[in-house]
Amino acid sequence: MDNPLYRMESIEKEKTELGKAHLKFGKMSIHEANHRLKMAEESEFPLTIFPKFIQDTIIELHEHGNYNIDYTSVSIFTALAGIIGNSYHLRKHIEWIENPSMWVVLVGKSGQNKSAPLKTAFKAIKNLQKQYDQEYEAAIANYDPDLGEKKPTKKKLYSTDPTFEALINIHKQNPNGMILMPDEFKSFILNLIGYSGTSKQSQFLSIWDGAPISLDRKEVESSSLSMPCVSIIGSIQDDVIASFKAKDIKDGFFERILFAIPLKMEKKLIGKKNPDDYMIEKFHSRMKALMDKVYESINTIELPLSEKAEDLFIDEVNKHVKPSNKDATISGILSKLDRYILRFALVLEVSNSFFEGQAIKYITMDSMKKAIMLKDYFFSNALKLNHMVLNVYEDNSKEGKVFQVLKKIGKREFTNKEFIEMAIKLNIAKESYAYQLLSNTKLAHKKQKGVYETDVLN
């Protein structure tokens, strides 16, 4: 047979590579088992959330285009979310409605080919933008204000570096949503977490929540947006994003970002064989078909959860309660991922149903299962980033000094007296300065009077 399924008994006897993969992942074809085994050491991304043609595209680009699996997979998923936009929302209940917006950062070393996956994933979107630009230029060329004609407006699907006011006005011309793709993601983050970025940061937090936005300033035209849906994606070096997070104020901004962090941050050798043209063009064609379908309607359709999907969601979120109550850092991450689970399920239900020619009625249990797999992937990466943060503290920095003291104390819960005594013992600080370091650090938080807790020793 071309695609046989082996019985578990025979697999156990053979102990071949296929057998090992089969035992690990359950009954499957030779092709799929070998594929799973091969990918096990390359990526933790759950490729099975995608339809087969997307999985094949990702693997083809990985094997013959030197594309990283994580970067390509996350970029494609974000492109799907950006395409869907406000056309579909998920309704948990009357006061809990989620749009599909994603905030994503591809994290890696310099020269690790982070830009190519972004270019491929968003090619269909950028091609449609070119078409809109040409239509706008033609309309402007024929526009005559003396005839009382309404001035043509420019519809944009994505932008690279707009001001916040410009972003809102651009979004108004395209109510379905916006994709923000900063050319310099480092500068974008700096603008949000810098000394003058606090107000911008709070504005973007409102956008992530899907909350209505209203701008009333003398220097700009009054603008409002009742239903913002803005996905953000970019790439940045691992040491840079870690240093930014270390400086971040504790308002949950970074907890809203989904990080794509490969298992291996390294450049790969380039092979002679190129990706299959037909397969890649087929991928772009199907992404365009999804856009055409989505843009047929200007209305927002709210999808409910099926009973089984809701049960699965509730069970999963309830599993987060105990670890969240024990650890403030974990709590911050999981509280945002609880909402992202619904967004993941929405994107998967709409896109997979469309590609498989099925009606889009509600969120199925299958989409919820896949959403939880995706949540686990991003949770793992959030923890990786937290460990990266610990490595950016310099010995002579304030947080570096705190980190040295915490490592020597060697336990999660400690008293301010223990901290001060250890700081003095290590010749790091005298009593008053040690207390000041403890009071202002982000590496520990006060649990009760005189008692602190740290997450850096997890």
Protein backbone atom coordinates (compact mmCIF):
# COMPACT_ATOMS: atom_id res chain seq x y z
CA MET A 1 0.00 0.00 0.00
CA ASP A 2 1.12 3.58 -0.59
CA ASN A 3 -0.06 4.74 2.83
CA PRO A 4 -0.40 1.74 5.17
CA LEU A 5 -1.31 1.91 8.83
CA TYR A 6 0.75 -0.40 10.99
CA ARG A 7 -0.74 -2.30 13.90
CA MET A 8 0.76 -1.30 17.26
CA GLU A 9 1.96 -4.87 17.96
CA SER A 10 4.16 -5.05 14.87
CA ILE A 11 5.50 -1.58 15.51
CA GLU A 12 6.58 -2.55 19.01
CA LYS A 13 8.54 -5.51 17.60
CA GLU A 14 10.31 -3.59 14.86
CA LYS A 15 11.44 -0.60 16.94
CA THR A 16 12.29 1.22 13.72
CA GLU A 17 12.28 5.01 13.42
CA LEU A 18 8.76 4.71 12.09
CA GLY A 19 7.91 2.54 15.07
CA LYS A 20 9.23 5.10 17.51
CA ALA A 21 7.23 7.85 15.85
CA HIS A 22 4.16 5.65 15.67
CA LEU A 23 4.39 4.77 19.36
CA LYS A 24 4.77 8.43 20.27
CA PHE A 25 1.98 9.86 18.16
CA GLY A 26 -0.48 6.97 17.73
CA LYS A 27 -1.59 5.17 14.54
CA MET A 28 -0.62 7.02 11.39
CA SER A 29 0.80 6.55 7.93
CA ILE A 30 4.48 5.94 7.24
CA HIS A 31 4.73 9.38 5.64
CA GLU A 32 3.15 11.17 8.58
CA ALA A 33 5.06 9.19 11.21
CA ASN A 34 8.41 9.89 9.59
CA HIS A 35 7.42 13.52 9.14
CA ARG A 36 6.50 13.84 12.83
CA LEU A 37 9.75 12.21 13.87
CA LYS A 38 11.77 14.54 11.66
CA MET A 39 10.01 17.64 12.90
CA ALA A 40 10.32 16.63 16.57
CA GLU A 41 13.82 18.08 16.80
CA GLU A 42 13.15 21.03 14.51
CA SER A 43 10.04 22.65 15.93
CA GLU A 44 7.42 22.39 18.65
CA PHE A 45 4.78 24.13 16.55
CA PRO A 46 1.63 21.95 16.19
CA LEU A 47 1.44 21.79 12.39
CA THR A 48 -1.67 19.60 12.52
CA ILE A 49 -3.80 22.64 13.35
CA PHE A 50 -3.56 23.55 9.65
CA PRO A 51 -5.18 21.97 6.58
CA LYS A 52 -2.86 19.62 4.69
CA PHE A 53 -2.03 22.10 1.91
CA ILE A 54 -0.69 24.59 4.47
CA GLN A 55 1.28 21.88 6.27
CA ASP A 56 2.78 20.79 2.94
CA THR A 57 3.68 24.39 2.09
CA ILE A 58 5.43 24.91 5.42
CA ILE A 59 7.44 21.69 5.06
CA GLU A 60 8.32 22.43 1.42
CA LEU A 61 9.63 25.88 2.36
CA HIS A 62 11.54 24.41 5.29
CA GLU A 63 13.19 21.61 3.31
CA HIS A 64 13.93 23.49 0.09
CA GLY A 65 13.71 27.19 0.96
CA ASN A 66 15.65 27.37 4.22
CA TYR A 67 12.53 28.65 6.04
CA ASN A 68 12.20 28.13 9.77
CA ILE A 69 9.08 26.09 10.63
CA ASP A 70 8.10 28.26 13.60
CA TYR A 71 8.45 31.54 11.71
CA THR A 72 6.51 30.29 8.70
CA SER A 73 3.74 28.66 10.73
CA VAL A 74 3.17 31.62 13.03
CA SER A 75 3.34 34.10 10.13
CA ILE A 76 0.72 32.16 8.15
CA PHE A 77 -1.55 31.89 11.18
CA THR A 78 -1.28 35.65 11.78
CA ALA A 79 -2.02 36.32 8.10
CA LEU A 80 -5.19 34.21 8.41
CA ALA A 81 -6.21 36.19 11.50
CA GLY A 82 -5.57 39.48 9.69
CA ILE A 83 -7.63 38.40 6.69
CA ILE A 84 -10.60 37.31 8.83
CA GLY A 85 -10.59 40.52 10.88
CA ASN A 86 -13.99 41.84 11.92
CA SER A 87 -15.85 39.56 9.50
CA TYR A 88 -16.14 36.94 12.25
CA HIS A 89 -16.12 37.25 16.03
CA LEU A 90 -16.49 34.61 18.72
CA ARG A 91 -19.26 35.13 21.25
CA LYS A 92 -18.61 33.44 24.61
CA HIS A 93 -21.55 35.28 26.15
CA ILE A 94 -23.26 38.66 25.84
CA GLU A 95 -20.38 40.49 27.55
CA TRP A 96 -17.49 38.40 26.24
CA ILE A 97 -16.86 38.68 22.52
CA GLU A 98 -13.45 38.13 20.93
CA ASN A 99 -12.12 39.29 17.57
CA PRO A 100 -9.28 37.33 15.91
CA SER A 101 -6.49 39.90 16.30
CA MET A 102 -2.99 38.59 17.10
CA TRP A 103 0.12 40.32 18.39
CA VAL A 104 3.10 38.29 17.28
CA VAL A 105 6.89 38.60 17.39
CA LEU A 106 9.35 36.30 15.63
CA VAL A 107 12.37 36.01 17.94
CA GLY A 108 15.79 34.89 16.73
CA LYS A 109 19.42 35.63 16.09
CA SER A 110 20.58 38.17 13.54
CA GLY A 111 20.62 36.70 10.03
CA GLN A 112 18.25 33.86 10.90
CA ASN A 113 15.97 34.51 7.90
CA LYS A 114 12.99 35.91 9.79
CA SER A 115 11.82 38.19 6.97
CA ALA A 116 11.29 35.58 4.22
CA PRO A 117 8.47 33.70 6.04
CA LEU A 118 6.71 37.02 6.67
CA LYS A 119 7.00 37.95 3.01
CA THR A 120 5.55 34.62 1.86
CA ALA A 121 2.74 34.50 4.43
CA PHE A 122 1.50 38.00 3.60
CA LYS A 123 2.10 37.97 -0.16
CA ALA A 124 -1.59 37.58 -1.08
CA ILE A 125 -2.49 40.47 1.23
CA LYS A 126 0.21 42.72 -0.21
CA ASN A 127 -0.80 41.84 -3.78
CA LEU A 128 -4.38 42.90 -3.02
CA GLN A 129 -3.03 46.09 -1.47
CA LYS A 130 -1.23 46.86 -4.74
CA GLN A 131 -4.54 46.45 -6.56
CA TYR A 132 -6.26 48.85 -4.12
CA ASP A 133 -3.42 51.37 -4.57
CA GLN A 134 -3.77 51.27 -8.36
CA GLU A 135 -7.54 51.73 -8.14
CA TYR A 136 -7.07 54.69 -5.79
CA GLU A 137 -4.50 56.36 -8.06
CA ALA A 138 -6.83 55.98 -11.05
CA ALA A 139 -9.75 57.41 -9.06
CA ILE A 140 -7.67 60.39 -7.87
CA ALA A 141 -6.52 61.07 -11.43
CA ASN A 142 -10.16 61.35 -12.54
CA TYR A 143 -11.35 63.20 -9.44
CA ASP A 144 -12.77 66.69 -10.01
CA PRO A 145 -13.77 68.57 -6.84
CA ASP A 146 -15.44 71.29 -8.94
CA LEU A 147 -18.08 68.76 -9.96
CA GLY A 148 -18.98 68.16 -6.35
CA GLU A 149 -17.58 64.65 -6.42
CA LYS A 150 -16.67 62.91 -3.19
CA LYS A 151 -12.92 62.61 -2.84
CA PRO A 152 -11.76 58.98 -3.23
CA THR A 153 -10.43 57.30 -0.11
CA LYS A 154 -7.50 54.95 0.05
CA LYS A 155 -8.23 51.51 1.48
CA LYS A 156 -5.28 49.93 3.26
CA LEU A 157 -5.02 46.36 4.48
CA TYR A 158 -1.74 46.87 6.30
CA SER A 159 0.64 49.61 7.37
CA THR A 160 4.26 49.70 8.48
CA ASP A 161 4.75 52.75 10.69
CA PRO A 162 1.64 54.91 11.17
CA THR A 163 1.08 57.29 14.05
CA PHE A 164 -1.69 56.15 16.37
CA GLU A 165 -4.02 58.79 14.93
CA ALA A 166 -3.20 57.69 11.37
CA LEU A 167 -3.77 54.05 12.33
CA ILE A 168 -7.28 54.88 13.55
CA ASN A 169 -8.13 56.87 10.42
CA ILE A 170 -6.75 54.16 8.13
CA HIS A 171 -8.75 51.55 10.04
CA LYS A 172 -11.92 53.62 9.52
CA GLN A 173 -11.46 53.26 5.76
CA ASN A 174 -11.17 49.50 6.20
CA PRO A 175 -13.58 48.50 9.01
CA ASN A 176 -12.67 44.83 8.61
CA GLY A 177 -9.37 45.48 10.35
CA MET A 178 -5.73 46.38 10.00
CA ILE A 179 -2.43 44.54 10.02
CA LEU A 180 0.49 46.46 11.46
CA MET A 181 3.86 45.25 10.17
CA PRO A 182 6.57 47.59 11.51
CA ASP A 183 9.73 47.66 9.39
CA GLU A 184 11.74 48.27 12.56
CA PHE A 185 10.02 46.35 15.33
CA LYS A 186 12.70 47.49 17.76
CA SER A 187 11.73 51.13 17.20
CA PHE A 188 8.04 50.27 17.46
CA ILE A 189 8.54 48.65 20.88
CA LEU A 190 10.79 51.50 22.04
CA ASN A 191 8.05 54.00 21.22
CA LEU A 192 5.62 52.05 23.37
CA ILE A 193 7.77 51.35 26.44
CA GLY A 194 9.96 54.46 26.36
CA TYR A 195 9.57 57.39 28.72
CA SER A 196 7.06 59.08 26.42
CA GLY A 197 5.31 55.88 25.38
CA THR A 198 3.00 55.29 28.34
CA SER A 199 -0.08 56.84 26.73
CA LYS A 200 0.60 55.04 23.45
CA GLN A 201 0.96 51.80 25.34
CA SER A 202 -2.42 52.22 27.04
CA GLN A 203 -4.03 53.07 23.69
CA PHE A 204 -2.68 49.90 22.13
CA LEU A 205 -3.84 47.87 25.13
CA SER A 206 -7.36 49.16 24.43
CA ILE A 207 -7.02 48.09 20.81
CA TRP A 208 -5.95 44.59 21.85
CA ASP A 209 -9.08 44.38 24.00
CA GLY A 210 -11.21 45.42 21.02
CA ALA A 211 -12.50 48.37 23.05
CA PRO A 212 -13.93 51.45 21.27
CA ILE A 213 -11.37 54.19 20.62
CA SER A 214 -12.10 57.92 20.65
CA LEU A 215 -9.54 60.63 19.92
CA ASP A 216 -10.47 64.24 20.67
CA ARG A 217 -7.45 66.46 20.29
CA LYS A 218 -7.02 69.96 18.97
CA GLU A 219 -4.12 69.05 16.70
CA VAL A 220 -5.94 66.19 14.95
CA GLU A 221 -9.33 65.62 13.50
CA SER A 222 -11.66 63.99 16.02
CA SER A 223 -11.72 60.27 15.30
CA SER A 224 -13.47 57.28 16.77
CA LEU A 225 -13.49 53.57 16.10
CA SER A 226 -16.22 51.41 17.56
CA MET A 227 -14.74 47.99 16.75
CA PRO A 228 -10.94 48.00 16.38
CA CYS A 229 -9.28 44.83 15.11
CA VAL A 230 -5.53 45.26 14.65
CA SER A 231 -3.07 42.40 14.29
CA ILE A 232 0.61 43.20 14.77
CA ILE A 233 3.56 41.14 13.57
CA GLY A 234 7.27 41.74 13.31
CA SER A 235 10.67 40.24 14.04
CA ILE A 236 13.39 41.09 16.52
CA GLN A 237 16.63 39.68 17.92
CA ASP A 238 16.38 37.56 21.05
CA ASP A 239 18.68 39.67 23.22
CA VAL A 240 16.89 42.88 22.22
CA ILE A 241 13.37 41.67 23.05
CA ALA A 242 14.60 40.19 26.33
CA SER A 243 16.18 43.50 27.36
CA PHE A 244 12.96 45.34 26.44
CA LYS A 245 10.85 43.00 28.53
CA ALA A 246 13.22 43.45 31.44
CA LYS A 247 12.54 47.20 31.31
CA ASP A 248 8.79 46.87 30.79
CA ILE A 249 6.35 48.24 33.34
CA LYS A 250 3.96 45.70 34.80
CA ASP A 251 0.80 46.47 32.85
CA GLY A 252 0.48 43.24 30.87
CA PHE A 253 1.74 44.61 27.56
CA PHE A 254 4.28 41.87 26.90
CA GLU A 255 1.90 39.20 28.16
CA ARG A 256 -0.33 40.08 25.20
CA ILE A 257 2.43 39.27 22.72
CA LEU A 258 2.77 35.79 21.25
CA PHE A 259 6.39 34.78 20.70
CA ALA A 260 7.67 32.44 17.99
CA ILE A 261 10.95 31.08 19.38
CA PRO A 262 12.55 28.18 17.47
CA LEU A 263 14.12 25.24 19.26
CA LYS A 264 17.35 25.97 17.42
CA MET A 265 18.36 29.59 16.86
CA GLU A 266 20.87 28.97 14.11
CA LYS A 267 21.42 29.58 10.42
CA LYS A 268 20.95 26.61 8.11
CA LEU A 269 22.88 25.44 5.06
CA ILE A 270 21.25 26.31 1.74
CA GLY A 271 20.41 23.41 -0.56
CA LYS A 272 20.38 23.37 -4.36
CA LYS A 273 16.75 22.30 -4.78
CA ASN A 274 14.18 25.12 -4.75
CA PRO A 275 10.63 25.03 -3.34
CA ASP A 276 8.00 23.64 -5.70
CA ASP A 277 6.52 26.58 -7.66
CA TYR A 278 3.12 24.96 -8.13
CA MET A 279 2.71 24.20 -4.43
CA ILE A 280 3.63 27.73 -3.35
CA GLU A 281 1.40 29.38 -5.97
CA LYS A 282 -1.46 27.12 -4.90
CA PHE A 283 -0.97 28.35 -1.34
CA HIS A 284 -1.11 32.01 -2.43
CA SER A 285 -4.18 31.32 -4.56
CA ARG A 286 -6.08 29.76 -1.68
CA MET A 287 -5.16 32.61 0.66
CA LYS A 288 -6.53 35.04 -1.93
CA ALA A 289 -9.71 32.97 -2.22
CA LEU A 290 -10.23 33.33 1.53
CA MET A 291 -9.81 37.10 1.24
CA ASP A 292 -12.31 37.27 -1.61
CA LYS A 293 -14.84 35.34 0.48
CA VAL A 294 -14.31 37.42 3.62
CA TYR A 295 -14.61 40.74 1.80
CA GLU A 296 -17.93 39.79 0.19
CA SER A 297 -19.75 41.00 3.31
CA ILE A 298 -19.37 44.12 5.43
CA ASN A 299 -21.24 42.62 8.38
CA THR A 300 -19.75 40.88 11.41
CA ILE A 301 -20.92 37.34 12.10
CA GLU A 302 -20.72 36.18 15.72
CA LEU A 303 -19.99 32.49 16.15
CA PRO A 304 -21.01 30.71 19.38
CA LEU A 305 -19.17 27.81 20.95
CA SER A 306 -20.63 24.37 20.49
CA GLU A 307 -21.49 22.68 23.78
CA LYS A 308 -18.50 20.32 23.54
CA ALA A 309 -16.15 23.16 22.58
CA GLU A 310 -17.34 25.21 25.55
CA ASP A 311 -16.87 22.28 27.94
CA LEU A 312 -13.34 21.80 26.63
CA PHE A 313 -12.57 25.51 26.96
CA ILE A 314 -13.89 25.69 30.52
CA ASP A 315 -11.90 22.61 31.56
CA GLU A 316 -8.71 24.05 30.08
CA VAL A 317 -9.09 27.49 31.64
CA ASN A 318 -9.90 25.95 35.02
CA LYS A 319 -6.61 24.04 34.82
CA HIS A 320 -4.89 27.43 34.75
CA VAL A 321 -6.34 28.58 38.09
CA LYS A 322 -4.05 26.67 40.46
CA PRO A 323 -0.72 27.55 38.78
CA SER A 324 -1.90 31.15 38.35
CA ASN A 325 -2.67 31.48 42.05
CA LYS A 326 0.80 30.21 42.92
CA ASP A 327 2.85 32.35 40.55
CA ALA A 328 2.26 35.97 39.53
CA THR A 329 4.30 35.64 36.32
CA ILE A 330 2.40 32.54 35.24
CA SER A 331 -0.86 34.27 36.10
CA GLY A 332 -0.04 37.21 33.82
CA ILE A 333 0.79 34.93 30.91
CA LEU A 334 -2.17 32.55 31.28
CA SER A 335 -4.76 35.28 31.81
CA LYS A 336 -4.06 36.58 28.30
CA LEU A 337 -3.75 33.10 26.80
CA ASP A 338 -7.21 32.27 28.18
CA ARG A 339 -8.55 34.87 25.77
CA TYR A 340 -6.17 33.89 23.00
CA ILE A 341 -7.55 30.33 23.12
CA LEU A 342 -10.88 31.72 21.89
CA ARG A 343 -9.16 33.81 19.22
CA PHE A 344 -7.16 30.81 18.05
CA ALA A 345 -10.33 28.70 17.86
CA LEU A 346 -12.08 31.43 15.86
CA VAL A 347 -9.29 31.70 13.28
CA LEU A 348 -9.03 27.93 12.95
CA GLU A 349 -12.78 27.40 12.62
CA VAL A 350 -13.25 30.05 9.94
CA SER A 351 -10.13 29.28 7.88
CA ASN A 352 -10.25 25.49 8.09
CA SER A 353 -13.98 25.37 7.37
CA PHE A 354 -13.49 27.59 4.32
CA PHE A 355 -10.55 25.60 2.96
CA GLU A 356 -12.41 22.32 3.50
CA GLY A 357 -15.63 23.60 1.92
CA GLN A 358 -17.70 23.34 5.09
CA ALA A 359 -20.33 25.71 6.47
CA ILE A 360 -19.18 28.11 9.18
CA LYS A 361 -21.82 27.85 11.92
CA TYR A 362 -20.12 27.65 15.31
CA ILE A 363 -16.82 26.80 16.99
CA THR A 364 -16.40 23.03 16.94
CA MET A 365 -14.65 20.85 19.48
CA ASP A 366 -11.97 20.07 16.87
CA SER A 367 -11.10 23.77 16.52
CA MET A 368 -11.00 24.14 20.31
CA LYS A 369 -8.65 21.15 20.65
CA LYS A 370 -6.30 22.69 18.09
CA ALA A 371 -6.55 26.09 19.78
CA ILE A 372 -5.43 24.54 23.07
CA MET A 373 -2.46 22.93 21.29
CA LEU A 374 -1.52 26.37 19.99
CA LYS A 375 -1.94 27.87 23.45
CA ASP A 376 0.49 25.30 24.86
CA TYR A 377 3.04 26.24 22.19
CA PHE A 378 2.87 29.96 22.96
CA PHE A 379 2.86 29.35 26.72
CA SER A 380 6.09 27.38 26.38
CA ASN A 381 7.63 30.23 24.39
CA ALA A 382 6.54 32.83 26.95
CA LEU A 383 8.43 30.86 29.59
CA LYS A 384 11.47 30.69 27.28
CA LEU A 385 11.42 34.46 26.96
CA ASN A 386 11.25 34.90 30.73
CA HIS A 387 14.42 32.81 31.03
CA MET A 388 16.05 34.97 28.35
CA VAL A 389 15.21 38.05 30.43
CA LEU A 390 17.20 36.71 33.36
CA ASN A 391 20.29 36.53 31.15
CA VAL A 392 20.22 40.22 30.19
CA TYR A 393 20.83 41.56 33.69
CA GLU A 394 24.36 42.89 34.07
CA ASP A 395 26.13 42.40 37.38
CA ASN A 396 26.48 46.14 37.95
CA SER A 397 22.86 47.01 37.10
CA LYS A 398 20.25 47.41 39.83
CA GLU A 399 18.31 44.35 38.70
CA GLY A 400 21.58 42.47 38.27
CA LYS A 401 22.39 43.10 41.92
CA VAL A 402 18.91 41.96 42.97
CA PHE A 403 19.29 38.83 40.85
CA GLN A 404 22.60 37.96 42.54
CA VAL A 405 21.02 38.29 45.98
CA LEU A 406 17.98 36.20 45.03
CA LYS A 407 20.17 33.42 43.65
CA LYS A 408 22.15 33.29 46.87
CA ILE A 409 18.98 33.24 49.00
CA GLY A 410 17.93 30.29 46.86
CA LYS A 411 14.20 30.12 47.60
CA ARG A 412 11.04 31.62 46.14
CA GLU A 413 9.67 33.07 49.37
CA PHE A 414 11.88 35.19 51.61
CA THR A 415 11.74 38.08 54.05
CA ASN A 416 13.04 41.59 53.55
CA LYS A 417 15.43 40.90 56.44
CA GLU A 418 16.91 37.90 54.58
CA PHE A 419 17.35 40.00 51.44
CA ILE A 420 19.07 42.86 53.25
CA GLU A 421 21.37 40.55 55.20
CA MET A 422 22.39 38.70 52.03
CA ALA A 423 23.00 41.95 50.13
CA ILE A 424 25.28 43.15 52.92
CA LYS A 425 27.05 39.78 53.11
CA LEU A 426 27.77 39.87 49.35
CA ASN A 427 29.00 43.48 49.60
CA ILE A 428 26.35 44.46 47.07
CA ALA A 429 24.56 47.11 49.12
CA LYS A 430 24.23 48.54 52.57
CA GLU A 431 20.93 48.31 54.47
CA SER A 432 19.10 51.38 53.13
CA TYR A 433 20.15 50.80 49.49
CA ALA A 434 19.33 47.08 49.73
CA TYR A 435 15.82 47.91 50.90
CA GLN A 436 15.49 50.39 48.03
CA LEU A 437 16.56 47.71 45.52
CA LEU A 438 14.00 45.28 46.91
CA SER A 439 11.21 47.86 46.89
CA ASN A 440 11.74 48.81 43.24
CA THR A 441 12.63 45.48 41.63
CA LYS A 442 10.49 43.63 39.10
CA LEU A 443 12.14 40.33 40.01
CA ALA A 444 10.13 39.93 43.22
CA HIS A 445 6.81 41.11 44.63
CA LYS A 446 5.49 41.67 48.12
CA LYS A 447 3.30 38.81 49.30
CA GLN A 448 2.51 40.27 52.70
CA LYS A 449 4.17 42.63 55.15
CA GLY A 450 7.86 41.81 55.27
CA VAL A 451 7.49 38.76 53.01
CA TYR A 452 8.40 38.68 49.31
CA GLU A 453 8.15 36.15 46.51
CA THR A 454 10.22 35.75 43.36
CA ASP A 455 9.59 33.84 40.15
CA VAL A 456 13.17 33.88 38.85
CA LEU A 457 14.11 30.64 40.60
CA ASN A 458 11.43 28.52 38.83
